[in-house]
């Protein structure tokens, strides 16, 4: 039985040592413990969410749904507009025979809206409950989206959590240069709001002399080109948006320049195919975060739901943009309320102080145990070292993050293990002084 226990202990000790080595040596190979923000430095940010943009975005989606429903059902309407201030959607039905059908469609297909009708003139807007739901969803969606982007970027153990009712805490360890910090901030803050929008060919020639208010009166909006001074007059209500995107990957065009290829879901592919079929000879703008990346002419119906964004991308920019699109657009933009960079020197000081405390405490415990308990103390020290290696090995296997409180926890664990050994050894000494044999004293010492 004793030999069996020795073998188990030996295997456990070897396991602990082998899997602890990558963390202790900080080698590039093997799983290892990740140091937290307080130990290796990094980026700390507190973000706010612009809820009013989320509400406007949902209202725009409702307007897009109304347009799609009416076009699909061949309902004759006029003046479909979305008011930027009140977020009210207004339109007029031109055939009173469609009134019953329109009311049925709106009630069955639209959620969270109130519908008012007077003399064939409709006003549709979000209900107060839907507005509150949109605010809460915007926060939770931003947390999930930012976390997904950072994970896809390959960062180890970023912290992304909701704080309070309308704030987001982001901590990214290991960020050491200004370039890395800027890239992470852009990746986090980028809305990545993708829209495919029809160019208003009838009035496009006057875009440089047209005011935003005049464009609005036509149901249009003026958007800038991302690379030049060119402007585009496009329909304010998009053909479709990034919510229908299923994948985005970096590819290369015929000139070996980076492009982004993305795929639409079934609904998006159908809408896109139907739109291109009736828009041959016209332009469609590919819009990202309210900037036009391209506006190609539609030569034929495009099926399959595959679309490409081209531009003067750097490889890193295309990679980050593909990550942002895959992770989903932010329903509402985020802004930095507080930013703090934890320098690596602070991390190094913390590691050094904690390491000194851990090593000094461990060495003093080992010396005391050997001096006071002799051979029993040596055995207890071996068990203590094995315990420490096992803790590090398990943390390494799970890729755990070690913070300053975590190091204090390891010291506490060592202290508790020593405390247990002291109690057991004192009990064994009492039994030996009572005249019991060594074997019996050890057996009862561990039992009681």
Protein backbone atom coordinates (compact mmCIF):
# COMPACT_ATOMS: atom_id res chain seq x y z
CA UNK A 1 0.00 0.00 0.00
CA UNK A 2 2.85 2.37 0.90
CA UNK A 3 4.67 1.72 -2.39
CA UNK A 4 1.42 2.34 -4.30
CA UNK A 5 1.00 5.72 -2.58
CA UNK A 6 4.61 6.63 -3.31
CA UNK A 7 4.08 5.82 -7.01
CA UNK A 8 0.92 7.97 -7.15
CA UNK A 9 2.73 10.86 -5.44
CA UNK A 10 5.70 10.51 -7.81
CA UNK A 11 3.42 10.62 -10.87
CA UNK A 12 1.56 13.64 -9.46
CA UNK A 13 4.87 15.42 -8.78
CA UNK A 14 6.17 14.68 -12.30
CA UNK A 15 2.85 15.89 -13.78
CA UNK A 16 3.09 19.11 -11.77
CA UNK A 17 6.71 19.80 -12.73
CA UNK A 18 6.26 19.04 -16.46
CA UNK A 19 3.20 21.24 -16.92
CA UNK A 20 4.57 24.03 -14.72
CA UNK A 21 7.80 24.44 -16.69
CA UNK A 22 6.31 26.57 -19.56
CA UNK A 23 4.88 29.00 -17.00
CA UNK A 24 8.00 29.11 -14.84
CA UNK A 25 10.33 29.64 -17.82
CA UNK A 26 7.80 31.71 -19.87
CA UNK A 27 8.69 29.67 -22.96
CA UNK A 28 6.80 30.15 -26.22
CA UNK A 29 5.77 26.49 -26.44
CA UNK A 30 3.16 24.72 -24.32
CA UNK A 31 0.25 25.98 -22.29
CA UNK A 32 1.13 28.47 -19.61
CA UNK A 33 -0.31 30.88 -17.09
CA UNK A 34 -1.18 34.32 -18.44
CA UNK A 35 -0.22 37.29 -16.32
CA UNK A 36 -3.05 39.69 -15.53
CA UNK A 37 -3.25 43.40 -16.22
CA UNK A 38 -1.79 44.34 -12.82
CA UNK A 39 1.29 42.18 -13.39
CA UNK A 40 2.28 42.59 -17.05
CA UNK A 41 0.67 45.94 -17.85
CA UNK A 42 -1.93 46.64 -20.51
CA UNK A 43 -4.94 48.75 -21.37
CA UNK A 44 -7.85 49.65 -19.08
CA UNK A 45 -10.89 51.39 -20.57
CA UNK A 46 -14.35 52.37 -19.39
CA UNK A 47 -16.75 52.74 -22.31
CA UNK A 48 -20.12 54.41 -22.68
CA UNK A 49 -22.80 53.42 -25.19
CA UNK A 50 -24.73 55.89 -27.38
CA UNK A 51 -28.20 54.46 -26.86
CA UNK A 52 -29.88 57.07 -29.06
CA UNK A 53 -28.04 55.64 -32.06
CA UNK A 54 -29.31 52.15 -31.21
CA UNK A 55 -32.88 53.45 -31.16
CA UNK A 56 -32.38 55.23 -34.50
CA UNK A 57 -30.82 52.08 -35.98
CA UNK A 58 -33.76 49.92 -34.92
CA UNK A 59 -36.19 52.48 -36.35
CA UNK A 60 -34.27 52.41 -39.64
CA UNK A 61 -34.49 48.61 -39.68
CA UNK A 62 -38.26 48.87 -39.18
CA UNK A 63 -38.45 51.32 -42.08
CA UNK A 64 -36.46 48.91 -44.24
CA UNK A 65 -38.83 46.09 -43.31
CA UNK A 66 -41.84 48.22 -44.26
CA UNK A 67 -40.32 48.99 -47.66
CA UNK A 68 -39.48 45.34 -48.30
CA UNK A 69 -42.96 44.16 -47.26
CA UNK A 70 -44.73 46.68 -49.47
CA UNK A 71 -42.50 45.99 -52.48
CA UNK A 72 -42.89 42.24 -52.02
CA UNK A 73 -46.69 42.49 -51.72
CA UNK A 74 -46.90 45.07 -54.56
CA UNK A 75 -48.61 47.66 -52.36
CA UNK A 76 -48.69 51.15 -53.86
CA UNK A 77 -47.33 53.74 -51.41
CA UNK A 78 -45.64 57.11 -51.39
CA UNK A 79 -43.45 59.28 -49.15
CA UNK A 80 -41.85 56.57 -47.00
CA UNK A 81 -39.59 58.58 -44.66
CA UNK A 82 -37.87 58.24 -41.30
CA UNK A 83 -37.68 61.37 -39.17
CA UNK A 84 -34.18 61.69 -37.64
CA UNK A 85 -35.39 63.45 -34.49
CA UNK A 86 -38.58 61.64 -33.54
CA UNK A 87 -37.64 58.30 -35.20
CA UNK A 88 -41.16 58.17 -36.63
CA UNK A 89 -41.74 56.36 -39.92
CA UNK A 90 -44.37 57.97 -42.13
CA UNK A 91 -45.89 56.94 -45.45
CA UNK A 92 -49.11 57.18 -47.43
CA UNK A 93 -51.09 54.32 -48.98
CA UNK A 94 -52.35 55.37 -52.43
CA UNK A 95 -54.97 52.64 -52.89
CA UNK A 96 -57.61 52.48 -50.15
CA UNK A 97 -58.35 48.87 -51.11
CA UNK A 98 -54.92 47.97 -49.66
CA UNK A 99 -55.75 49.45 -46.24
CA UNK A 100 -56.87 46.20 -44.58
CA UNK A 101 -53.93 44.30 -46.05
CA UNK A 102 -51.44 46.95 -44.88
CA UNK A 103 -52.78 46.93 -41.32
CA UNK A 104 -52.57 43.14 -41.22
CA UNK A 105 -49.00 43.08 -42.57
CA UNK A 106 -47.75 45.72 -40.16
CA UNK A 107 -49.29 44.02 -37.12
CA UNK A 108 -48.11 40.53 -38.10
CA UNK A 109 -44.58 41.34 -39.31
CA UNK A 110 -43.44 44.22 -37.09
CA UNK A 111 -42.72 43.88 -33.37
CA UNK A 112 -42.51 46.57 -30.70
CA UNK A 113 -44.17 49.33 -32.72
CA UNK A 114 -47.28 51.46 -32.43
CA UNK A 115 -49.26 52.09 -35.62
CA UNK A 116 -51.43 55.16 -36.21
CA UNK A 117 -53.51 55.63 -39.37
CA UNK A 118 -55.55 58.61 -40.51
CA UNK A 119 -56.96 59.00 -44.01
CA UNK A 120 -54.50 56.45 -45.47
CA UNK A 121 -51.57 58.30 -43.87
CA UNK A 122 -49.57 56.07 -41.50
CA UNK A 123 -47.20 56.84 -38.63
CA UNK A 124 -45.17 53.96 -37.19
CA UNK A 125 -42.84 54.30 -34.21
CA UNK A 126 -41.23 52.19 -31.48
CA UNK A 127 -43.17 51.71 -28.25
CA UNK A 128 -41.63 52.90 -24.92
CA UNK A 129 -41.13 49.24 -23.96
CA UNK A 130 -39.29 48.55 -27.22
CA UNK A 131 -37.09 51.62 -26.69
CA UNK A 132 -36.06 50.45 -23.20
CA UNK A 133 -35.48 46.93 -24.51
CA UNK A 134 -33.30 48.36 -27.29
CA UNK A 135 -31.17 50.28 -24.77
CA UNK A 136 -30.55 47.18 -22.65
CA UNK A 137 -29.87 45.03 -25.68
CA UNK A 138 -27.39 47.60 -27.03
CA UNK A 139 -25.29 47.28 -23.86
CA UNK A 140 -25.34 43.47 -23.80
CA UNK A 141 -24.74 43.24 -27.55
CA UNK A 142 -21.77 45.62 -27.27
CA UNK A 143 -20.25 43.48 -24.49
CA UNK A 144 -20.60 40.28 -26.54
CA UNK A 145 -19.37 41.92 -29.75
CA UNK A 146 -16.30 43.54 -28.18
CA UNK A 147 -15.40 40.30 -26.38
CA UNK A 148 -15.74 38.35 -29.63
CA UNK A 149 -13.55 40.83 -31.52
CA UNK A 150 -10.78 40.71 -28.91
CA UNK A 151 -10.90 36.90 -28.78
CA UNK A 152 -10.67 36.66 -32.58
CA UNK A 153 -7.77 39.11 -32.51
CA UNK A 154 -5.87 36.47 -30.51
CA UNK A 155 -5.51 38.34 -27.23
CA UNK A 156 -5.14 36.26 -24.08
CA UNK A 157 -7.79 36.63 -21.39
CA UNK A 158 -9.28 40.08 -22.14
CA UNK A 159 -11.87 41.23 -19.62
CA UNK A 160 -15.10 42.68 -21.04
CA UNK A 161 -17.97 43.20 -18.61
CA UNK A 162 -21.03 45.37 -18.12
CA UNK A 163 -20.54 47.91 -15.34
CA UNK A 164 -23.60 49.57 -13.85
CA UNK A 165 -26.51 50.10 -16.22
CA UNK A 166 -24.85 51.82 -19.16
CA UNK A 167 -21.07 51.30 -19.04
CA UNK A 168 -18.63 48.63 -20.23
CA UNK A 169 -15.32 47.76 -18.56
CA UNK A 170 -12.54 46.53 -20.89
CA UNK A 171 -9.13 45.33 -19.69
CA UNK A 172 -6.58 43.97 -22.17
CA UNK A 173 -3.30 42.71 -20.66
CA UNK A 174 -0.04 42.61 -22.58
CA UNK A 175 -0.48 45.83 -24.60
CA UNK A 176 2.93 47.52 -24.46
CA UNK A 177 3.22 49.92 -27.44
CA UNK A 178 1.22 52.92 -28.61
CA UNK A 179 0.64 51.21 -31.98
CA UNK A 180 -0.89 48.13 -30.32
CA UNK A 181 -3.05 50.31 -28.07
CA UNK A 182 -4.32 52.39 -31.00
CA UNK A 183 -5.15 49.28 -33.03
CA UNK A 184 -7.09 47.73 -30.14
CA UNK A 185 -9.00 50.96 -29.51
CA UNK A 186 -10.01 51.20 -33.17
CA UNK A 187 -11.07 47.54 -33.21
CA UNK A 188 -13.21 48.05 -30.10
CA UNK A 189 -14.78 51.36 -31.11
CA UNK A 190 -15.45 50.56 -34.76
CA UNK A 191 -19.19 50.26 -35.34
CA UNK A 192 -18.64 48.07 -38.45
CA UNK A 193 -22.16 48.99 -39.58
CA UNK A 194 -22.45 47.60 -43.09
CA UNK A 195 -25.19 48.76 -45.47
CA UNK A 196 -25.92 48.19 -49.14
CA UNK A 197 -27.70 51.30 -50.43
CA UNK A 198 -29.24 52.26 -53.76
CA UNK A 199 -27.78 55.33 -55.48
CA UNK A 200 -30.44 57.89 -56.43
CA UNK A 201 -29.55 58.04 -60.14
CA UNK A 202 -32.29 60.57 -60.91
CA UNK A 203 -30.73 63.30 -58.76
CA UNK A 204 -27.12 62.05 -58.40
CA UNK A 205 -25.72 64.70 -60.77
CA UNK A 206 -26.76 67.47 -58.34
CA UNK A 207 -25.17 65.91 -55.25
CA UNK A 208 -22.40 68.54 -54.96
CA UNK A 209 -24.89 71.43 -54.91
CA UNK A 210 -27.59 69.72 -52.86
CA UNK A 211 -28.03 70.46 -49.16
CA UNK A 212 -28.59 67.68 -46.61
CA UNK A 213 -32.12 69.00 -45.96
CA UNK A 214 -33.00 68.90 -49.66
CA UNK A 215 -31.65 65.34 -49.88
CA UNK A 216 -33.74 64.43 -46.85
CA UNK A 217 -36.87 65.79 -48.53
CA UNK A 218 -36.36 63.23 -51.31
CA UNK A 219 -35.82 60.40 -48.83
CA UNK A 220 -32.08 60.45 -49.56
CA UNK A 221 -28.85 61.04 -47.66
CA UNK A 222 -25.47 62.37 -48.82
CA UNK A 223 -22.50 60.16 -47.90
CA UNK A 224 -18.77 60.80 -48.51
CA UNK A 225 -16.34 58.50 -50.29
CA UNK A 226 -13.86 56.97 -47.84
CA UNK A 227 -10.80 57.76 -49.99
CA UNK A 228 -11.66 60.82 -52.11
CA UNK A 229 -13.70 64.03 -51.97
CA UNK A 230 -16.46 62.37 -54.00
CA UNK A 231 -20.00 62.39 -52.57
CA UNK A 232 -22.88 60.01 -53.20
CA UNK A 233 -26.61 60.59 -53.05
CA UNK A 234 -28.14 57.34 -51.80
CA UNK A 235 -31.54 56.22 -50.56
CA UNK A 236 -31.73 56.74 -46.79
CA UNK A 237 -33.38 53.37 -46.23
CA UNK A 238 -30.81 50.67 -47.09
CA UNK A 239 -31.47 47.65 -49.28
CA UNK A 240 -30.03 45.49 -46.49
CA UNK A 241 -27.55 45.75 -43.63
CA UNK A 242 -24.89 43.78 -41.77
CA UNK A 243 -27.42 41.94 -39.62
CA UNK A 244 -27.88 39.60 -42.61
CA UNK A 245 -24.15 38.85 -42.89
CA UNK A 246 -22.97 35.33 -41.99
CA UNK A 247 -19.23 35.45 -42.73
CA UNK A 248 -16.45 37.83 -43.75
CA UNK A 249 -12.95 36.91 -44.89
CA UNK A 250 -9.93 38.67 -46.33
CA UNK A 251 -9.24 37.88 -49.98
CA UNK A 252 -7.29 39.41 -52.87
CA UNK A 253 -8.40 41.04 -56.11
CA UNK A 254 -6.88 40.56 -59.57
CA UNK A 255 -4.12 43.04 -58.65
CA UNK A 256 -3.29 41.12 -55.46
CA UNK A 257 -4.71 43.88 -53.23
CA UNK A 258 -6.58 42.94 -50.04
CA UNK A 259 -10.38 42.89 -50.28
CA UNK A 260 -13.10 41.66 -47.93
CA UNK A 261 -15.49 38.99 -49.17
CA UNK A 262 -18.67 38.51 -47.18
CA UNK A 263 -21.63 36.15 -47.40
CA UNK A 264 -25.29 36.92 -46.71
CA UNK A 265 -27.85 34.66 -45.07
CA UNK A 266 -30.84 33.25 -46.96
CA UNK A 267 -33.05 36.29 -46.45
CA UNK A 268 -30.25 38.70 -47.33
CA UNK A 269 -29.31 36.72 -50.44
CA UNK A 270 -32.94 36.82 -51.66
CA UNK A 271 -33.30 40.56 -51.03
CA UNK A 272 -29.94 41.22 -52.71
CA UNK A 273 -30.80 39.03 -55.69
CA UNK A 274 -34.22 40.66 -56.15
CA UNK A 275 -32.74 44.16 -55.86
CA UNK A 276 -29.97 43.56 -58.39
CA UNK A 277 -32.47 41.99 -60.80
CA UNK A 278 -34.57 45.18 -60.97
CA UNK A 279 -31.58 47.57 -60.78
CA UNK A 280 -29.48 46.51 -63.78
CA UNK A 281 -27.60 49.54 -65.12
CA UNK A 282 -27.82 51.38 -61.80
CA UNK A 283 -25.29 51.74 -59.01
CA UNK A 284 -25.29 50.22 -55.55
CA UNK A 285 -23.17 51.76 -52.79
CA UNK A 286 -21.30 49.54 -50.34
CA UNK A 287 -21.39 51.65 -47.16
CA UNK A 288 -19.43 50.99 -43.99
CA UNK A 289 -19.86 53.27 -40.97
CA UNK A 290 -21.57 55.91 -43.16
CA UNK A 291 -18.72 56.05 -45.69
CA UNK A 292 -18.91 54.73 -49.25
CA UNK A 293 -16.18 52.19 -50.06
CA UNK A 294 -17.39 51.44 -53.58
CA UNK A 295 -20.41 52.07 -55.81
CA UNK A 296 -20.24 49.58 -58.68
CA UNK A 297 -22.69 49.42 -61.58
CA UNK A 298 -25.02 46.44 -61.49
CA UNK A 299 -24.62 44.55 -64.78
CA UNK A 300 -26.82 41.55 -64.01
CA UNK A 301 -28.72 39.83 -61.24
CA UNK A 302 -26.33 38.67 -58.52
CA UNK A 303 -27.38 35.49 -56.73
CA UNK A 304 -25.71 33.43 -54.04
CA UNK A 305 -25.45 36.26 -51.53
CA UNK A 306 -21.72 36.90 -52.04
CA UNK A 307 -20.51 40.51 -51.96
CA UNK A 308 -17.07 42.12 -51.97
CA UNK A 309 -15.73 45.28 -50.35
CA UNK A 310 -12.73 46.69 -52.21
CA UNK A 311 -10.56 49.65 -51.32
CA UNK A 312 -7.01 50.73 -50.60
CA UNK A 313 -6.76 48.43 -47.59
CA UNK A 314 -3.58 47.60 -45.75
CA UNK A 315 -3.47 43.91 -44.83
CA UNK A 316 -3.79 44.64 -41.08
CA UNK A 317 -6.74 46.99 -41.72
CA UNK A 318 -8.52 44.40 -43.87
CA UNK A 319 -7.90 41.72 -41.23
CA UNK A 320 -9.29 43.88 -38.42
CA UNK A 321 -12.29 44.93 -40.51
CA UNK A 322 -13.11 41.30 -41.35
CA UNK A 323 -12.98 40.49 -37.61
CA UNK A 324 -15.32 43.39 -36.85
CA UNK A 325 -17.79 42.31 -39.56
CA UNK A 326 -17.73 38.65 -38.48
CA UNK A 327 -18.28 39.60 -34.86
CA UNK A 328 -21.24 41.74 -35.82
CA UNK A 329 -21.76 45.47 -35.94
CA UNK A 330 -22.25 47.46 -32.79
CA UNK A 331 -25.93 48.33 -32.52
CA UNK A 332 -24.82 51.57 -30.87
CA UNK A 333 -21.38 53.22 -31.06
CA UNK A 334 -19.22 53.19 -27.94
CA UNK A 335 -17.04 56.02 -26.69
CA UNK A 336 -14.16 56.11 -24.22
CA UNK A 337 -15.12 57.60 -20.86
CA UNK A 338 -11.89 56.65 -19.10
CA UNK A 339 -8.61 55.24 -20.41
CA UNK A 340 -5.63 54.14 -18.38
CA UNK A 341 -2.46 52.43 -19.53
CA UNK A 342 -0.82 50.22 -16.90
CA UNK A 343 2.88 50.40 -17.73
CA UNK A 344 5.07 47.31 -17.79
CA UNK A 345 7.33 48.88 -15.14
CA UNK A 346 4.42 48.84 -12.67
CA UNK A 347 3.79 45.24 -13.62
CA UNK A 348 7.46 44.34 -13.15
CA UNK A 349 7.50 45.97 -9.69
CA UNK A 350 4.37 44.06 -8.70
CA UNK A 351 5.81 40.76 -9.91
CA UNK A 352 9.13 41.37 -8.14
CA UNK A 353 7.52 42.31 -4.82
CA UNK A 354 5.08 39.41 -4.95
CA UNK A 355 7.77 36.93 -5.97
CA UNK A 356 10.03 38.03 -3.12
CA UNK A 357 7.17 37.65 -0.63
CA UNK A 358 6.26 34.21 -2.01
CA UNK A 359 9.82 32.88 -2.11
CA UNK A 360 10.81 34.35 1.27
CA UNK A 361 7.71 32.95 2.96
CA UNK A 362 8.20 29.55 1.33
CA UNK A 363 11.89 29.32 2.29
CA UNK A 364 11.20 30.34 5.91
CA UNK A 365 8.46 27.72 6.18
CA UNK A 366 10.75 25.00 4.75
CA UNK A 367 13.59 25.90 7.16
CA UNK A 368 11.24 25.99 10.16
CA UNK A 369 9.64 22.64 9.30
CA UNK A 370 13.02 20.89 8.91
CA UNK A 371 14.50 22.49 12.03
CA UNK A 372 11.50 21.82 14.29
CA UNK A 373 10.20 18.47 13.00
CA UNK A 374 13.28 16.85 11.49
CA UNK A 375 12.51 14.03 9.03
CA UNK A 376 8.75 14.57 9.38
CA UNK A 377 9.35 18.19 8.38
CA UNK A 378 11.31 17.08 5.29
CA UNK A 379 8.40 14.86 4.23
CA UNK A 380 5.95 17.72 4.81
CA UNK A 381 8.13 20.05 2.70
CA UNK A 382 8.19 17.58 -0.19
CA UNK A 383 4.38 17.43 -0.03
CA UNK A 384 4.29 21.24 0.09
CA UNK A 385 6.46 21.57 -3.03
CA UNK A 386 4.31 18.98 -4.81
CA UNK A 387 1.19 20.94 -3.87
CA UNK A 388 2.66 24.14 -5.30
CA UNK A 389 3.64 22.47 -8.59
CA UNK A 390 0.18 20.92 -8.93
CA UNK A 391 -1.48 24.33 -8.50
CA UNK A 392 0.74 25.86 -11.20
CA UNK A 393 0.22 22.86 -13.51
CA UNK A 394 -3.58 22.99 -13.31
CA UNK A 395 -3.57 26.77 -13.86
CA UNK A 396 -1.30 26.29 -16.89
CA UNK A 397 -3.51 23.58 -18.41
CA UNK A 398 -6.58 25.82 -18.22
CA UNK A 399 -4.68 28.91 -19.40
CA UNK A 400 -5.66 30.75 -16.21
CA UNK A 401 -4.79 34.39 -15.64
CA UNK A 402 -2.59 35.13 -12.63
CA UNK A 403 -3.22 38.46 -10.93
CA UNK A 404 -1.74 40.05 -7.82
CA UNK A 405 -4.61 38.74 -5.64
CA UNK A 406 -4.01 35.35 -7.26
CA UNK A 407 -0.40 35.35 -6.10
CA UNK A 408 -1.61 36.24 -2.62
CA UNK A 409 -3.99 33.29 -2.89
CA UNK A 410 -1.09 30.95 -3.67
CA UNK A 411 0.78 32.24 -0.61
CA UNK A 412 -2.36 31.66 1.46
CA UNK A 413 -2.69 28.12 0.05
CA UNK A 414 0.91 27.39 1.04
CA UNK A 415 0.20 28.74 4.51
CA UNK A 416 -2.94 26.60 4.89
CA UNK A 417 -1.06 23.50 3.74
CA UNK A 418 1.71 24.21 6.26
CA UNK A 419 -0.88 24.78 8.97
CA UNK A 420 -2.43 21.38 8.27
CA UNK A 421 1.00 19.71 8.36
CA UNK A 422 1.89 21.43 11.65
CA UNK A 423 -1.34 20.21 13.27
CA UNK A 424 -0.77 16.65 12.02
CA UNK A 425 2.88 16.58 13.12
CA UNK A 426 2.02 17.95 16.55
CA UNK A 427 -0.61 15.24 16.93
CA UNK A 428 1.91 12.56 15.94
CA UNK A 429 4.36 13.88 18.56
CA UNK A 430 1.68 13.73 21.24
CA UNK A 431 0.90 10.11 20.36
CA UNK A 432 4.59 9.17 20.37
CA UNK A 433 5.01 10.73 23.82
CA UNK A 434 1.98 8.70 24.94
CA UNK A 435 3.93 5.54 24.15
CA UNK A 436 2.34 4.47 20.87
CA UNK A 437 4.39 3.03 18.03
CA UNK A 438 5.58 5.18 15.13
CA UNK A 439 3.23 3.52 12.63
CA UNK A 440 0.21 3.78 14.92
CA UNK A 441 1.03 7.41 15.77
CA UNK A 442 1.24 8.40 12.08
CA UNK A 443 -1.98 6.55 11.24
CA UNK A 444 -3.97 8.16 14.06
CA UNK A 445 -2.30 11.54 13.50
CA UNK A 446 -3.68 11.75 9.96
CA UNK A 447 -7.07 10.36 10.99
CA UNK A 448 -7.65 12.61 13.98
